[in-house]
Amino acid sequence: MPIHKLVQVGRTSGGVVLPKSELRALGLVDEDGNVKDQPVRVTQTDEKTWEVAVIDPDDYPVCNG
Protein backbone atom coordinates (compact mmCIF):
# COMPACT_ATOMS: atom_id res chain seq x y z
CA MET A 1 0.00 0.00 0.00
CA PRO A 2 1.59 3.30 -1.10
CA ILE A 3 1.92 6.14 1.37
CA HIS A 4 1.07 9.66 0.15
CA LYS A 5 1.90 13.01 1.72
CA LEU A 6 -0.69 15.51 2.85
CA VAL A 7 0.04 18.74 0.95
CA GLN A 8 -0.93 22.40 1.32
CA VAL A 9 -3.66 23.48 -1.15
CA GLY A 10 -4.12 27.24 -1.17
CA ARG A 11 -4.20 28.96 2.20
CA THR A 12 -7.06 27.13 3.90
CA SER A 13 -6.98 23.53 2.64
CA GLY A 14 -4.89 20.40 2.49
CA GLY A 15 -5.05 17.58 -0.01
CA VAL A 16 -3.77 14.18 -1.06
CA VAL A 17 -2.80 13.35 -4.65
CA LEU A 18 -4.51 10.27 -6.06
CA PRO A 19 -2.55 8.18 -8.60
CA LYS A 20 -3.68 8.94 -12.16
CA SER A 21 -3.36 5.25 -13.06
CA GLU A 22 -6.02 4.43 -10.45
CA LEU A 23 -8.24 7.28 -11.65
CA ARG A 24 -7.81 6.09 -15.25
CA ALA A 25 -8.88 2.56 -14.26
CA LEU A 26 -12.09 4.07 -12.86
CA GLY A 27 -12.76 6.02 -16.08
CA LEU A 28 -11.98 9.36 -14.44
CA VAL A 29 -9.30 10.44 -16.96
CA ASP A 30 -10.29 11.78 -20.40
CA GLU A 31 -8.77 10.87 -23.78
CA ASP A 32 -6.28 13.76 -23.47
CA GLY A 33 -4.96 12.41 -20.18
CA ASN A 34 -6.64 15.02 -17.98
CA VAL A 35 -8.56 14.17 -14.83
CA LYS A 36 -12.27 14.67 -15.48
CA ASP A 37 -14.24 17.28 -13.55
CA GLN A 38 -16.03 14.86 -11.24
CA PRO A 39 -17.83 15.37 -7.94
CA VAL A 40 -16.58 13.35 -4.99
CA ARG A 41 -17.78 13.11 -1.43
CA VAL A 42 -15.13 13.26 1.32
CA THR A 43 -16.33 11.94 4.66
CA GLN A 44 -14.45 11.65 7.92
CA THR A 45 -15.31 8.16 9.17
CA ASP A 46 -13.08 8.07 12.25
CA GLU A 47 -10.63 10.31 14.08
CA LYS A 48 -7.84 9.73 11.51
CA THR A 49 -9.77 8.06 8.69
CA TRP A 50 -11.31 9.69 5.62
CA GLU A 51 -13.30 8.13 2.78
CA VAL A 52 -13.36 9.55 -0.75
CA ALA A 53 -16.30 8.39 -2.88
CA VAL A 54 -16.95 9.23 -6.53
CA ILE A 55 -20.58 10.26 -6.90
CA ASP A 56 -22.89 10.57 -9.89
CA PRO A 57 -22.58 14.10 -11.34
CA ASP A 58 -26.29 14.04 -12.21
CA ASP A 59 -27.08 13.80 -8.50
CA TYR A 60 -24.91 16.82 -7.64
CA PRO A 61 -24.60 19.06 -10.72
CA VAL A 62 -23.16 22.05 -8.81
CA CYS A 63 -20.14 21.43 -6.61
CA ASN A 64 -18.19 23.91 -4.52
CA GLY A 65 -14.76 22.32 -4.02
PDB file of N, CA and C in Angstrom:
ATOM      1  N   MET A   1       0.843  -1.164   0.000  1.00  0.00           N
ATOM      2  CA  MET A   1       0.000   0.000   0.000  1.00  0.00           C
ATOM      3  C   MET A   1       0.896   1.237   0.000  1.00  0.00           C
ATOM      4  N   PRO A   2       0.766   2.093  -1.048  1.00  0.00           N
ATOM      5  CA  PRO A   2       1.588   3.301  -1.100  1.00  0.00           C
ATOM      6  C   PRO A   2       1.183   4.312  -0.030  1.00  0.00           C
ATOM      7  N   ILE A   3       2.152   5.071   0.416  1.00  0.00           N
ATOM      8  CA  ILE A   3       1.919   6.141   1.373  1.00  0.00           C
ATOM      9  C   ILE A   3       2.035   7.463   0.614  1.00  0.00           C
ATOM     10  N   HIS A   4       1.075   8.359   0.816  1.00  0.00           N
ATOM     11  CA  HIS A   4       1.069   9.655   0.148  1.00  0.00           C
ATOM     12  C   HIS A   4       1.169  10.751   1.200  1.00  0.00           C
ATOM     13  N   LYS A   5       1.774  11.877   0.813  1.00  0.00           N
ATOM     14  CA  LYS A   5       1.902  13.013   1.718  1.00  0.00           C
ATOM     15  C   LYS A   5       0.664  13.892   1.659  1.00  0.00           C
ATOM     16  N   LEU A   6       0.309  14.454   2.783  1.00  0.00           N
ATOM     17  CA  LEU A   6      -0.690  15.509   2.853  1.00  0.00           C
ATOM     18  C   LEU A   6       0.022  16.789   2.410  1.00  0.00           C
ATOM     19  N   VAL A   7      -0.595  17.546   1.491  1.00  0.00           N
ATOM     20  CA  VAL A   7       0.042  18.740   0.951  1.00  0.00           C
ATOM     21  C   VAL A   7      -0.848  19.962   1.148  1.00  0.00           C
ATOM     22  N   GLN A   8      -0.222  21.128   1.219  1.00  0.00           N
ATOM     23  CA  GLN A   8      -0.933  22.400   1.318  1.00  0.00           C
ATOM     24  C   GLN A   8      -1.623  22.682  -0.014  1.00  0.00           C
ATOM     25  N   VAL A   9      -2.904  23.072   0.034  1.00  0.00           N
ATOM     26  CA  VAL A   9      -3.656  23.481  -1.152  1.00  0.00           C
ATOM     27  C   VAL A   9      -4.237  24.856  -0.849  1.00  0.00           C
ATOM     28  N   GLY A  10      -3.686  25.873  -1.488  1.00  0.00           N
ATOM     29  CA  GLY A  10      -4.124  27.237  -1.171  1.00  0.00           C
ATOM     30  C   GLY A  10      -3.739  27.595   0.252  1.00  0.00           C
ATOM     31  N   ARG A  11      -4.517  28.511   0.836  1.00  0.00           N
ATOM     32  CA  ARG A  11      -4.202  28.965   2.199  1.00  0.00           C
ATOM     33  C   ARG A  11      -5.026  28.268   3.268  1.00  0.00           C
ATOM     34  N   THR A  12      -6.147  27.650   2.881  1.00  0.00           N
ATOM     35  CA  THR A  12      -7.061  27.127   3.898  1.00  0.00           C
ATOM     36  C   THR A  12      -7.368  25.642   3.763  1.00  0.00           C
ATOM     37  N   SER A  13      -6.658  24.944   2.867  1.00  0.00           N
ATOM     38  CA  SER A  13      -6.984  23.531   2.645  1.00  0.00           C
ATOM     39  C   SER A  13      -5.742  22.680   2.533  1.00  0.00           C
ATOM     40  N   GLY A  14      -5.930  21.397   2.715  1.00  0.00           N
ATOM     41  CA  GLY A  14      -4.892  20.405   2.489  1.00  0.00           C
ATOM     42  C   GLY A  14      -5.449  19.346   1.561  1.00  0.00           C
ATOM     43  N   GLY A  15      -4.582  18.593   0.910  1.00  0.00           N
ATOM     44  CA  GLY A  15      -5.054  17.577  -0.015  1.00  0.00           C
ATOM     45  C   GLY A  15      -4.083  16.418  -0.132  1.00  0.00           C
ATOM     46  N   VAL A  16      -4.564  15.369  -0.774  1.00  0.00           N
ATOM     47  CA  VAL A  16      -3.773  14.184  -1.061  1.00  0.00           C
ATOM     48  C   VAL A  16      -3.897  13.926  -2.554  1.00  0.00           C
ATOM     49  N   VAL A  17      -2.784  13.627  -3.218  1.00  0.00           N
ATOM     50  CA  VAL A  17      -2.797  13.349  -4.649  1.00  0.00           C
ATOM     51  C   VAL A  17      -3.142  11.879  -4.858  1.00  0.00           C
ATOM     52  N   LEU A  18      -4.117  11.638  -5.725  1.00  0.00           N
ATOM     53  CA  LEU A  18      -4.507  10.270  -6.064  1.00  0.00           C
ATOM     54  C   LEU A  18      -3.778   9.856  -7.339  1.00  0.00           C
ATOM     55  N   PRO A  19      -3.290   8.621  -7.416  1.00  0.00           N
ATOM     56  CA  PRO A  19      -2.549   8.184  -8.598  1.00  0.00           C
ATOM     57  C   PRO A  19      -3.433   8.211  -9.853  1.00  0.00           C
ATOM     58  N   LYS A  20      -2.919   8.830 -10.917  1.00  0.00           N
ATOM     59  CA  LYS A  20      -3.682   8.942 -12.156  1.00  0.00           C
ATOM     60  C   LYS A  20      -3.985   7.563 -12.732  1.00  0.00           C
ATOM     61  N   SER A  21      -3.102   6.602 -12.540  1.00  0.00           N
ATOM     62  CA  SER A  21      -3.364   5.250 -13.057  1.00  0.00           C
ATOM     63  C   SER A  21      -4.623   4.658 -12.417  1.00  0.00           C
ATOM     64  N   GLU A  22      -4.821   4.918 -11.135  1.00  0.00           N
ATOM     65  CA  GLU A  22      -6.022   4.431 -10.446  1.00  0.00           C
ATOM     66  C   GLU A  22      -7.260   5.174 -10.941  1.00  0.00           C
ATOM     67  N   LEU A  23      -7.125   6.488 -11.137  1.00  0.00           N
ATOM     68  CA  LEU A  23      -8.243   7.282 -11.651  1.00  0.00           C
ATOM     69  C   LEU A  23      -8.599   6.842 -13.073  1.00  0.00           C
ATOM     70  N   ARG A  24      -7.581   6.551 -13.878  1.00  0.00           N
ATOM     71  CA  ARG A  24      -7.809   6.088 -15.254  1.00  0.00           C
ATOM     72  C   ARG A  24      -8.576   4.769 -15.242  1.00  0.00           C
ATOM     73  N   ALA A  25      -8.207   3.867 -14.356  1.00  0.00           N
ATOM     74  CA  ALA A  25      -8.880   2.563 -14.265  1.00  0.00           C
ATOM     75  C   ALA A  25     -10.357   2.721 -13.909  1.00  0.00           C
ATOM     76  N   LEU A  26     -10.696   3.810 -13.230  1.00  0.00           N
ATOM     77  CA  LEU A  26     -12.088   4.070 -12.862  1.00  0.00           C
ATOM     78  C   LEU A  26     -12.831   4.887 -13.918  1.00  0.00           C
ATOM     79  N   GLY A  27     -12.137   5.231 -15.028  1.00  0.00           N
ATOM     80  CA  GLY A  27     -12.763   6.020 -16.077  1.00  0.00           C
ATOM     81  C   GLY A  27     -12.827   7.501 -15.756  1.00  0.00           C
ATOM     82  N   LEU A  28     -11.951   7.967 -14.880  1.00  0.00           N
ATOM     83  CA  LEU A  28     -11.975   9.362 -14.444  1.00  0.00           C
ATOM     84  C   LEU A  28     -10.913  10.224 -15.111  1.00  0.00           C
ATOM     85  N   VAL A  29     -10.285   9.692 -16.185  1.00  0.00           N
ATOM     86  CA  VAL A  29      -9.297  10.438 -16.960  1.00  0.00           C
ATOM     87  C   VAL A  29      -9.796  10.469 -18.400  1.00  0.00           C
ATOM     88  N   ASP A  30      -9.781  11.666 -19.026  1.00  0.00           N
ATOM     89  CA  ASP A  30     -10.289  11.785 -20.397  1.00  0.00           C
ATOM     90  C   ASP A  30      -9.256  11.312 -21.417  1.00  0.00           C
ATOM     91  N   GLU A  31      -9.631  11.361 -22.697  1.00  0.00           N
ATOM     92  CA  GLU A  31      -8.768  10.869 -23.777  1.00  0.00           C
ATOM     93  C   GLU A  31      -7.500  11.695 -23.946  1.00  0.00           C
ATOM     94  N   ASP A  32      -7.482  12.923 -23.424  1.00  0.00           N
ATOM     95  CA  ASP A  32      -6.281  13.762 -23.474  1.00  0.00           C
ATOM     96  C   ASP A  32      -5.366  13.553 -22.273  1.00  0.00           C
ATOM     97  N   GLY A  33      -5.771  12.682 -21.355  1.00  0.00           N
ATOM     98  CA  GLY A  33      -4.956  12.410 -20.178  1.00  0.00           C
ATOM     99  C   GLY A  33      -5.220  13.330 -19.004  1.00  0.00           C
ATOM    100  N   ASN A  34      -6.292  14.110 -19.078  1.00  0.00           N
ATOM    101  CA  ASN A  34      -6.642  15.017 -17.983  1.00  0.00           C
ATOM    102  C   ASN A  34      -7.690  14.384 -17.074  1.00  0.00           C
ATOM    103  N   VAL A  35      -7.574  14.662 -15.792  1.00  0.00           N
ATOM    104  CA  VAL A  35      -8.559  14.175 -14.832  1.00  0.00           C
ATOM    105  C   VAL A  35      -9.878  14.890 -15.106  1.00  0.00           C
ATOM    106  N   LYS A  36     -10.944  14.111 -15.193  1.00  0.00           N
ATOM    107  CA  LYS A  36     -12.267  14.674 -15.477  1.00  0.00           C
ATOM    108  C   LYS A  36     -12.768  15.478 -14.284  1.00  0.00           C
ATOM    109  N   ASP A  37     -13.584  16.495 -14.582  1.00  0.00           N
ATOM    110  CA  ASP A  37     -14.238  17.278 -13.554  1.00  0.00           C
ATOM    111  C   ASP A  37     -15.349  16.408 -12.979  1.00  0.00           C
ATOM    112  N   GLN A  38     -15.147  15.874 -11.795  1.00  0.00           N
ATOM    113  CA  GLN A  38     -16.033  14.857 -11.235  1.00  0.00           C
ATOM    114  C   GLN A  38     -16.302  15.149  -9.770  1.00  0.00           C
ATOM    115  N   PRO A  39     -17.566  15.168  -9.363  1.00  0.00           N
ATOM    116  CA  PRO A  39     -17.830  15.375  -7.937  1.00  0.00           C
ATOM    117  C   PRO A  39     -17.432  14.142  -7.113  1.00  0.00           C
ATOM    118  N   VAL A  40     -16.894  14.408  -5.953  1.00  0.00           N
ATOM    119  CA  VAL A  40     -16.576  13.349  -4.991  1.00  0.00           C
ATOM    120  C   VAL A  40     -17.080  13.795  -3.624  1.00  0.00           C
ATOM    121  N   ARG A  41     -17.367  12.825  -2.800  1.00  0.00           N
ATOM    122  CA  ARG A  41     -17.775  13.112  -1.425  1.00  0.00           C
ATOM    123  C   ARG A  41     -16.626  12.668  -0.519  1.00  0.00           C
ATOM    124  N   VAL A  42     -16.187  13.577   0.358  1.00  0.00           N
ATOM    125  CA  VAL A  42     -15.133  13.260   1.318  1.00  0.00           C
ATOM    126  C   VAL A  42     -15.777  13.256   2.699  1.00  0.00           C
ATOM    127  N   THR A  43     -15.680  12.123   3.366  1.00  0.00           N
ATOM    128  CA  THR A  43     -16.332  11.941   4.656  1.00  0.00           C
ATOM    129  C   THR A  43     -15.308  11.475   5.689  1.00  0.00           C
ATOM    130  N   GLN A  44     -15.288  12.126   6.832  1.00  0.00           N
ATOM    131  CA  GLN A  44     -14.445  11.647   7.924  1.00  0.00           C
ATOM    132  C   GLN A  44     -15.202  10.533   8.620  1.00  0.00           C
ATOM    133  N   THR A  45     -14.635   9.330   8.609  1.00  0.00           N
ATOM    134  CA  THR A  45     -15.310   8.162   9.171  1.00  0.00           C
ATOM    135  C   THR A  45     -14.809   7.783  10.553  1.00  0.00           C
ATOM    136  N   ASP A  46     -13.675   8.344  10.943  1.00  0.00           N
ATOM    137  CA  ASP A  46     -13.084   8.068  12.246  1.00  0.00           C
ATOM    138  C   ASP A  46     -12.122   9.219  12.532  1.00  0.00           C
ATOM    139  N   GLU A  47     -11.495   9.201  13.690  1.00  0.00           N
ATOM    140  CA  GLU A  47     -10.626  10.311  14.075  1.00  0.00           C
ATOM    141  C   GLU A  47      -9.536  10.582  13.040  1.00  0.00           C
ATOM    142  N   LYS A  48      -8.926   9.556  12.481  1.00  0.00           N
ATOM    143  CA  LYS A  48      -7.843   9.726  11.508  1.00  0.00           C
ATOM    144  C   LYS A  48      -8.129   8.982  10.210  1.00  0.00           C
ATOM    145  N   THR A  49      -9.393   8.800   9.887  1.00  0.00           N
ATOM    146  CA  THR A  49      -9.771   8.059   8.686  1.00  0.00           C
ATOM    147  C   THR A  49     -10.755   8.864   7.849  1.00  0.00           C
ATOM    148  N   TRP A  50     -10.460   8.966   6.561  1.00  0.00           N
ATOM    149  CA  TRP A  50     -11.309   9.690   5.619  1.00  0.00           C
ATOM    150  C   TRP A  50     -11.662   8.753   4.476  1.00  0.00           C
ATOM    151  N   GLU A  51     -12.850   8.910   3.929  1.00  0.00           N
ATOM    152  CA  GLU A  51     -13.304   8.127   2.784  1.00  0.00           C
ATOM    153  C   GLU A  51     -13.589   9.088   1.632  1.00  0.00           C
ATOM    154  N   VAL A  52     -13.085   8.764   0.455  1.00  0.00           N
ATOM    155  CA  VAL A  52     -13.359   9.547  -0.747  1.00  0.00           C
ATOM    156  C   VAL A  52     -14.208   8.673  -1.655  1.00  0.00           C
ATOM    157  N   ALA A  53     -15.393   9.157  -2.031  1.00  0.00           N
ATOM    158  CA  ALA A  53     -16.298   8.390  -2.876  1.00  0.00           C
ATOM    159  C   ALA A  53     -16.668   9.203  -4.112  1.00  0.00           C
ATOM    160  N   VAL A  54     -16.513   8.597  -5.283  1.00  0.00           N
ATOM    161  CA  VAL A  54     -16.946   9.228  -6.528  1.00  0.00           C
ATOM    162  C   VAL A  54     -18.466   9.136  -6.568  1.00  0.00           C
ATOM    163  N   ILE A  55     -19.114  10.259  -6.862  1.00  0.00           N
ATOM    164  CA  ILE A  55     -20.578  10.258  -6.898  1.00  0.00           C
ATOM    165  C   ILE A  55     -21.066  10.644  -8.288  1.00  0.00           C
ATOM    166  N   ASP A  56     -22.279  10.314  -8.592  1.00  0.00           N
ATOM    167  CA  ASP A  56     -22.889  10.575  -9.887  1.00  0.00           C
ATOM    168  C   ASP A  56     -23.055  12.081 -10.073  1.00  0.00           C
ATOM    169  N   PRO A  57     -22.470  12.661 -11.141  1.00  0.00           N
ATOM    170  CA  PRO A  57     -22.580  14.101 -11.342  1.00  0.00           C
ATOM    171  C   PRO A  57     -24.015  14.558 -11.581  1.00  0.00           C
ATOM    172  N   ASP A  58     -24.886  13.670 -12.020  1.00  0.00           N
ATOM    173  CA  ASP A  58     -26.292  14.037 -12.215  1.00  0.00           C
ATOM    174  C   ASP A  58     -27.008  14.250 -10.885  1.00  0.00           C
ATOM    175  N   ASP A  59     -26.496  13.629  -9.822  1.00  0.00           N
ATOM    176  CA  ASP A  59     -27.085  13.805  -8.496  1.00  0.00           C
ATOM    177  C   ASP A  59     -26.652  15.115  -7.849  1.00  0.00           C
ATOM    178  N   TYR A  60     -25.470  15.595  -8.226  1.00  0.00           N
ATOM    179  CA  TYR A  60     -24.907  16.819  -7.643  1.00  0.00           C
ATOM    180  C   TYR A  60     -24.296  17.668  -8.741  1.00  0.00           C
ATOM    181  N   PRO A  61     -25.122  18.327  -9.574  1.00  0.00           N
ATOM    182  CA  PRO A  61     -24.597  19.059 -10.721  1.00  0.00           C
ATOM    183  C   PRO A  61     -23.766  20.295 -10.379  1.00  0.00           C
ATOM    184  N   VAL A  62     -23.934  20.871  -9.194  1.00  0.00           N
ATOM    185  CA  VAL A  62     -23.164  22.048  -8.805  1.00  0.00           C
ATOM    186  C   VAL A  62     -22.339  21.684  -7.578  1.00  0.00           C
ATOM    187  N   CYS A  63     -21.027  21.782  -7.725  1.00  0.00           N
ATOM    188  CA  CYS A  63     -20.135  21.434  -6.610  1.00  0.00           C
ATOM    189  C   CYS A  63     -19.252  22.633  -6.266  1.00  0.00           C
ATOM    190  N   ASN A  64     -19.083  22.857  -4.992  1.00  0.00           N
ATOM    191  CA  ASN A  64     -18.188  23.914  -4.515  1.00  0.00           C
ATOM    192  C   ASN A  64     -17.024  23.248  -3.806  1.00  0.00           C
ATOM    193  N   GLY A  65     -15.909  23.001  -4.562  1.00  0.00           N
ATOM    194  CA  GLY A  65     -14.764  22.318  -4.022  1.00  0.00           C
ATOM    195  C   GLY A  65     -14.046  23.131  -3.067  1.00  0.00           C
TER     196      GLY A  65
END
